[in-house]
């Protein structure tokens, strides 16, 4: 659910749970991929979707966006827990 209060847009409910889970999955995929690159010089995303393809770039972009989202969510969670 999207709510607008005092000029701020807030997301609540099932949509927020979906975003959190989607971001978490993307971060796990990205972390595992970088682990494979570091340990075995094997890039799973490039192997699955062909290196340099549009799909590969979309996957990398989504993983990066998930990281930014996680940073923002962490900041919000820290602010709310510090107030208590």
Protein backbone atom coordinates (compact mmCIF):
# COMPACT_ATOMS: atom_id res chain seq x y z
CA UNK A 1 0.00 0.00 0.00
CA UNK A 2 1.27 3.47 -0.86
CA UNK A 3 0.45 6.33 1.50
CA UNK A 4 1.24 10.02 1.18
CA UNK A 5 1.54 11.93 4.45
CA UNK A 6 3.00 15.37 4.84
CA UNK A 7 4.56 15.29 1.39
CA UNK A 8 6.30 11.95 2.08
CA UNK A 9 5.46 8.74 0.25
CA UNK A 10 5.45 5.64 2.43
CA UNK A 11 5.05 2.02 1.40
CA UNK A 12 3.39 -0.42 3.77
CA UNK A 13 2.05 -3.93 3.98
CA UNK A 14 2.50 -6.72 1.49
CA UNK A 15 4.18 -4.53 -1.13
CA UNK A 16 6.92 -3.60 1.34
CA UNK A 17 7.39 -7.27 2.26
CA UNK A 18 7.67 -8.10 -1.44
CA UNK A 19 10.30 -5.39 -2.01
CA UNK A 20 12.29 -6.53 1.01
CA UNK A 21 12.29 -10.16 -0.13
CA UNK A 22 13.07 -9.27 -3.75
CA UNK A 23 16.01 -7.10 -2.66
CA UNK A 24 17.26 -9.82 -0.32
CA UNK A 25 17.16 -12.43 -3.11
CA UNK A 26 19.02 -10.12 -5.49
CA UNK A 27 21.67 -9.39 -2.85
CA UNK A 28 22.16 -13.11 -2.25
CA UNK A 29 22.46 -13.76 -6.00
CA UNK A 30 24.97 -10.90 -6.32
CA UNK A 31 26.96 -12.02 -3.30
CA UNK A 32 27.14 -15.63 -4.44
CA UNK A 33 28.14 -14.52 -7.94
CA UNK A 34 30.97 -12.35 -6.58
CA UNK A 35 32.06 -15.22 -4.34
CA UNK A 36 32.27 -17.51 -7.37
CA UNK A 37 34.22 -14.86 -9.29
CA UNK A 38 36.65 -14.39 -6.41
CA UNK A 39 37.19 -18.06 -5.62
CA UNK A 40 37.00 -19.73 -9.02
CA UNK A 41 37.04 -16.89 -11.58
CA UNK A 42 33.59 -18.12 -12.65
CA UNK A 43 30.84 -15.60 -13.36
CA UNK A 44 27.50 -17.41 -13.10
CA UNK A 45 25.43 -14.48 -14.39
CA UNK A 46 27.59 -14.15 -17.51
CA UNK A 47 27.41 -17.91 -18.03
CA UNK A 48 23.63 -18.06 -17.73
CA UNK A 49 22.78 -14.96 -19.76
CA UNK A 50 25.81 -14.46 -22.06
CA UNK A 51 28.44 -11.92 -21.07
CA UNK A 52 27.57 -8.36 -22.10
CA UNK A 53 23.97 -9.12 -23.04
CA UNK A 54 21.12 -6.80 -22.13
CA UNK A 55 19.74 -9.40 -19.70
CA UNK A 56 23.11 -9.54 -17.90
CA UNK A 57 23.20 -5.75 -17.62
CA UNK A 58 19.62 -5.74 -16.27
CA UNK A 59 20.56 -8.36 -13.63
CA UNK A 60 23.61 -6.34 -12.55
CA UNK A 61 21.52 -3.14 -12.45
CA UNK A 62 18.84 -4.82 -10.34
CA UNK A 63 21.48 -6.15 -7.92
CA UNK A 64 22.93 -2.64 -7.60
CA UNK A 65 19.48 -1.14 -7.07
CA UNK A 66 18.79 -3.78 -4.41
CA UNK A 67 21.97 -2.74 -2.62
CA UNK A 68 20.91 0.92 -2.63
CA UNK A 69 17.45 -0.10 -1.42
CA UNK A 70 18.97 -2.18 1.39
CA UNK A 71 21.16 0.75 2.47
CA UNK A 72 18.14 3.04 2.58
CA UNK A 73 16.05 0.48 4.49
CA UNK A 74 18.90 -0.03 6.96
CA UNK A 75 19.10 3.71 7.53
CA UNK A 76 15.34 3.86 8.20
CA UNK A 77 15.49 0.84 10.53
CA UNK A 78 18.42 2.35 12.43
CA UNK A 79 16.60 5.65 12.88
CA UNK A 80 13.50 3.92 14.23
CA UNK A 81 15.45 1.63 16.58
CA UNK A 82 17.63 4.47 17.88
CA UNK A 83 14.54 6.46 18.92
CA UNK A 84 13.37 3.66 21.23
